[in-house]
């Protein structure tokens, strides 16, 4: 496995021709080492500035979602139960 990070010039393909997957996670807050859990997973597939596909899923973290996290993310315990 090559541990050298490539620059944009090394890619060889113009960035507007590259397909990207942008990933976003929402959590119960803090570090996973301190017990934080995922509450939402989202991804968007993009190429040349055009959205090719989207995915979003709520996840029951199995622990209470702190009130300030619900205010911040809009995700409540009722939304993830099921």
N, C-alpha and C. Protein backbone atom coordinates (compact mmCIF):
# COMPACT_ATOMS: atom_id res chain seq x y z
N UNK A 1 0.84 -1.17 0.00
CA UNK A 1 0.00 0.00 0.00
C UNK A 1 0.89 1.23 0.00
N UNK A 2 0.60 2.18 -0.87
CA UNK A 2 1.36 3.41 -0.98
C UNK A 2 0.83 4.43 0.01
N UNK A 3 1.69 4.93 0.88
CA UNK A 3 1.25 5.89 1.89
C UNK A 3 1.47 7.34 1.46
N UNK A 4 1.92 7.56 0.23
CA UNK A 4 2.14 8.91 -0.27
C UNK A 4 0.82 9.49 -0.75
N UNK A 5 0.49 10.68 -0.27
CA UNK A 5 -0.75 11.33 -0.69
C UNK A 5 -0.51 12.05 -2.01
N UNK A 6 -1.38 11.81 -2.97
CA UNK A 6 -1.27 12.44 -4.27
C UNK A 6 -1.79 13.87 -4.22
N UNK A 7 -1.22 14.72 -5.07
CA UNK A 7 -1.75 16.07 -5.22
C UNK A 7 -2.80 16.04 -6.33
N UNK A 8 -3.55 17.12 -6.48
CA UNK A 8 -4.54 17.18 -7.56
C UNK A 8 -3.87 17.04 -8.92
N UNK A 9 -2.64 17.55 -9.06
CA UNK A 9 -1.91 17.44 -10.33
C UNK A 9 -1.55 15.99 -10.64
N UNK A 10 -1.37 15.17 -9.61
CA UNK A 10 -0.99 13.76 -9.80
C UNK A 10 -2.15 12.88 -10.24
N UNK A 11 -3.36 13.34 -10.04
CA UNK A 11 -4.53 12.52 -10.35
C UNK A 11 -4.61 12.23 -11.84
N UNK A 12 -4.29 13.22 -12.67
CA UNK A 12 -4.29 13.01 -14.11
C UNK A 12 -5.64 13.20 -14.77
N UNK A 13 -6.70 13.30 -14.01
CA UNK A 13 -8.03 13.52 -14.54
C UNK A 13 -8.53 14.85 -14.00
N UNK A 14 -9.07 15.71 -14.87
CA UNK A 14 -9.62 16.98 -14.36
C UNK A 14 -10.68 16.72 -13.28
N UNK A 15 -10.66 17.52 -12.23
CA UNK A 15 -11.56 17.29 -11.10
C UNK A 15 -13.03 17.30 -11.51
N UNK A 16 -13.38 18.09 -12.54
CA UNK A 16 -14.79 18.12 -12.95
C UNK A 16 -15.21 16.84 -13.67
N UNK A 17 -14.25 15.94 -13.93
CA UNK A 17 -14.56 14.65 -14.55
C UNK A 17 -14.47 13.49 -13.56
N UNK A 18 -14.12 13.81 -12.33
CA UNK A 18 -13.97 12.79 -11.29
C UNK A 18 -15.30 12.62 -10.56
N UNK A 19 -15.69 11.40 -10.28
CA UNK A 19 -16.89 11.13 -9.50
C UNK A 19 -16.49 11.06 -8.02
N UNK A 20 -17.20 11.84 -7.21
CA UNK A 20 -16.92 11.94 -5.79
C UNK A 20 -18.09 11.38 -4.99
N UNK A 21 -17.80 10.87 -3.83
CA UNK A 21 -18.84 10.50 -2.88
C UNK A 21 -18.57 11.30 -1.60
N UNK A 22 -19.48 12.19 -1.28
CA UNK A 22 -19.36 13.02 -0.09
C UNK A 22 -20.17 12.36 1.01
N UNK A 23 -19.54 12.10 2.14
CA UNK A 23 -20.17 11.36 3.24
C UNK A 23 -20.33 12.28 4.45
N UNK A 24 -21.46 12.16 5.13
CA UNK A 24 -21.71 12.95 6.33
C UNK A 24 -22.27 12.05 7.42
N UNK A 25 -21.79 12.21 8.62
CA UNK A 25 -22.30 11.48 9.78
C UNK A 25 -22.81 12.47 10.82
N UNK A 26 -23.90 12.12 11.47
CA UNK A 26 -24.34 12.82 12.66
C UNK A 26 -24.22 11.82 13.80
N UNK A 27 -23.87 12.32 14.98
CA UNK A 27 -23.65 11.44 16.12
C UNK A 27 -24.33 11.99 17.37
N UNK A 28 -24.25 11.21 18.42
CA UNK A 28 -24.78 11.65 19.71
C UNK A 28 -23.85 12.66 20.38
N UNK A 29 -22.74 12.98 19.73
CA UNK A 29 -21.83 14.01 20.22
C UNK A 29 -20.58 13.43 20.85
N UNK A 30 -19.51 14.19 20.75
CA UNK A 30 -18.27 13.78 21.38
C UNK A 30 -17.52 12.70 20.62
N UNK A 31 -16.69 12.01 21.33
CA UNK A 31 -15.79 11.02 20.75
C UNK A 31 -16.38 9.61 20.85
N UNK A 32 -16.14 8.77 19.83
CA UNK A 32 -16.56 7.37 19.96
C UNK A 32 -15.84 6.66 21.11
N UNK A 33 -14.67 7.16 21.47
CA UNK A 33 -13.94 6.57 22.60
C UNK A 33 -14.66 6.85 23.92
N UNK A 34 -15.53 7.86 23.90
CA UNK A 34 -16.29 8.21 25.11
C UNK A 34 -17.76 7.81 24.98
N UNK A 35 -18.06 6.96 23.99
CA UNK A 35 -19.40 6.41 23.87
C UNK A 35 -20.31 7.04 22.85
N UNK A 36 -19.83 8.02 22.08
CA UNK A 36 -20.68 8.64 21.05
C UNK A 36 -21.06 7.60 20.00
N UNK A 37 -22.27 7.69 19.50
CA UNK A 37 -22.78 6.75 18.50
C UNK A 37 -23.35 7.50 17.30
N UNK A 38 -23.39 6.84 16.18
CA UNK A 38 -23.94 7.43 14.95
C UNK A 38 -25.47 7.48 15.04
N UNK A 39 -26.05 8.62 14.61
CA UNK A 39 -27.51 8.76 14.55
C UNK A 39 -28.01 8.93 13.11
N UNK A 40 -27.13 9.33 12.20
CA UNK A 40 -27.53 9.47 10.80
C UNK A 40 -26.31 9.32 9.90
N UNK A 41 -26.52 8.65 8.77
CA UNK A 41 -25.50 8.49 7.75
C UNK A 41 -26.07 9.05 6.46
N UNK A 42 -25.30 9.88 5.79
CA UNK A 42 -25.74 10.41 4.51
C UNK A 42 -24.60 10.42 3.52
N UNK A 43 -24.92 10.28 2.24
CA UNK A 43 -23.91 10.32 1.19
C UNK A 43 -24.52 10.91 -0.07
N UNK A 44 -23.70 11.66 -0.80
CA UNK A 44 -24.11 12.23 -2.08
C UNK A 44 -23.03 11.91 -3.10
N UNK A 45 -23.44 11.35 -4.23
CA UNK A 45 -22.52 11.05 -5.33
C UNK A 45 -22.58 12.21 -6.32
N UNK A 46 -21.41 12.80 -6.62
CA UNK A 46 -21.33 14.02 -7.43
C UNK A 46 -20.29 13.85 -8.53
N UNK A 47 -20.60 14.41 -9.70
CA UNK A 47 -19.63 14.46 -10.79
C UNK A 47 -19.86 15.74 -11.57
N UNK A 48 -18.80 16.53 -11.73
CA UNK A 48 -18.91 17.78 -12.48
C UNK A 48 -19.93 18.73 -11.90
N UNK A 49 -20.10 18.73 -10.60
CA UNK A 49 -21.06 19.61 -9.95
C UNK A 49 -22.50 19.13 -10.01
N UNK A 50 -22.74 17.97 -10.63
CA UNK A 50 -24.08 17.42 -10.74
C UNK A 50 -24.27 16.28 -9.74
N UNK A 51 -25.37 16.31 -9.03
CA UNK A 51 -25.69 15.24 -8.08
C UNK A 51 -26.19 14.04 -8.85
N UNK A 52 -25.50 12.91 -8.69
CA UNK A 52 -25.86 11.67 -9.39
C UNK A 52 -26.72 10.75 -8.54
N UNK A 53 -26.61 10.89 -7.24
CA UNK A 53 -27.39 10.04 -6.35
C UNK A 53 -27.24 10.50 -4.91
N UNK A 54 -28.21 10.14 -4.10
CA UNK A 54 -28.20 10.51 -2.69
C UNK A 54 -28.65 9.32 -1.85
N UNK A 55 -28.14 9.27 -0.63
CA UNK A 55 -28.56 8.24 0.33
C UNK A 55 -28.58 8.88 1.70
N UNK A 56 -29.60 8.55 2.49
CA UNK A 56 -29.69 9.05 3.86
C UNK A 56 -30.41 8.01 4.69
N UNK A 57 -29.89 7.75 5.88
CA UNK A 57 -30.54 6.79 6.77
C UNK A 57 -30.33 7.21 8.22
N UNK A 58 -31.42 7.21 8.98
CA UNK A 58 -31.32 7.43 10.42
C UNK A 58 -30.92 6.11 11.07
N UNK A 59 -30.18 6.21 12.18
CA UNK A 59 -29.66 5.03 12.88
C UNK A 59 -30.03 5.16 14.36
N UNK A 60 -30.61 4.11 14.91
CA UNK A 60 -30.88 4.10 16.35
C UNK A 60 -29.56 3.86 17.06
N UNK A 61 -29.07 4.85 17.82
CA UNK A 61 -27.76 4.69 18.47
C UNK A 61 -27.78 3.75 19.67
N UNK A 62 -28.96 3.40 20.14
CA UNK A 62 -29.03 2.50 21.28
C UNK A 62 -28.77 3.18 22.61
N UNK A 63 -28.56 4.49 22.57
CA UNK A 63 -28.38 5.29 23.78
C UNK A 63 -29.19 6.57 23.60
N UNK A 64 -29.50 7.26 24.70
CA UNK A 64 -30.25 8.51 24.57
C UNK A 64 -29.48 9.56 23.76
N UNK A 65 -30.24 10.34 22.97
CA UNK A 65 -29.64 11.45 22.23
C UNK A 65 -29.75 12.69 23.12
N UNK A 66 -28.62 13.31 23.47
CA UNK A 66 -28.67 14.50 24.33
C UNK A 66 -29.52 15.60 23.69
N UNK A 67 -30.20 16.37 24.54
CA UNK A 67 -31.07 17.44 24.05
C UNK A 67 -30.36 18.43 23.14
N UNK A 68 -29.13 18.82 23.50
CA UNK A 68 -28.43 19.80 22.68
C UNK A 68 -28.08 19.24 21.30
N UNK A 69 -27.89 17.92 21.20
CA UNK A 69 -27.63 17.29 19.90
C UNK A 69 -28.91 17.30 19.06
N UNK A 70 -30.06 17.05 19.68
CA UNK A 70 -31.33 17.12 18.96
C UNK A 70 -31.57 18.53 18.43
N UNK A 71 -31.25 19.55 19.24
CA UNK A 71 -31.39 20.94 18.78
C UNK A 71 -30.43 21.21 17.63
N UNK A 72 -29.20 20.75 17.75
CA UNK A 72 -28.17 20.99 16.73
C UNK A 72 -28.48 20.30 15.41
N UNK A 73 -28.90 19.03 15.47
CA UNK A 73 -29.08 18.23 14.26
C UNK A 73 -30.53 18.11 13.79
N UNK A 74 -31.46 18.36 14.70
CA UNK A 74 -32.87 18.16 14.37
C UNK A 74 -33.30 16.71 14.48
N UNK A 75 -32.41 15.84 14.95
CA UNK A 75 -32.70 14.41 15.07
C UNK A 75 -33.11 14.11 16.51
N UNK A 76 -34.31 13.56 16.66
CA UNK A 76 -34.82 13.24 18.00
C UNK A 76 -34.82 11.72 18.21
N UNK A 77 -34.96 11.33 19.46
CA UNK A 77 -35.02 9.90 19.77
C UNK A 77 -36.22 9.24 19.10
N UNK A 78 -37.34 9.95 19.00
CA UNK A 78 -38.52 9.41 18.35
C UNK A 78 -38.25 9.10 16.87
N UNK A 79 -37.43 9.91 16.22
CA UNK A 79 -37.13 9.71 14.80
C UNK A 79 -36.31 8.45 14.54
N UNK A 80 -35.46 8.07 15.49
CA UNK A 80 -34.56 6.93 15.26
C UNK A 80 -35.08 5.62 15.83
N UNK A 81 -36.13 5.67 16.62
CA UNK A 81 -36.69 4.45 17.19
C UNK A 81 -37.43 3.67 16.12
N UNK A 82 -37.30 2.36 16.17
CA UNK A 82 -38.08 1.61 15.22
C UNK A 82 -37.47 0.37 14.80
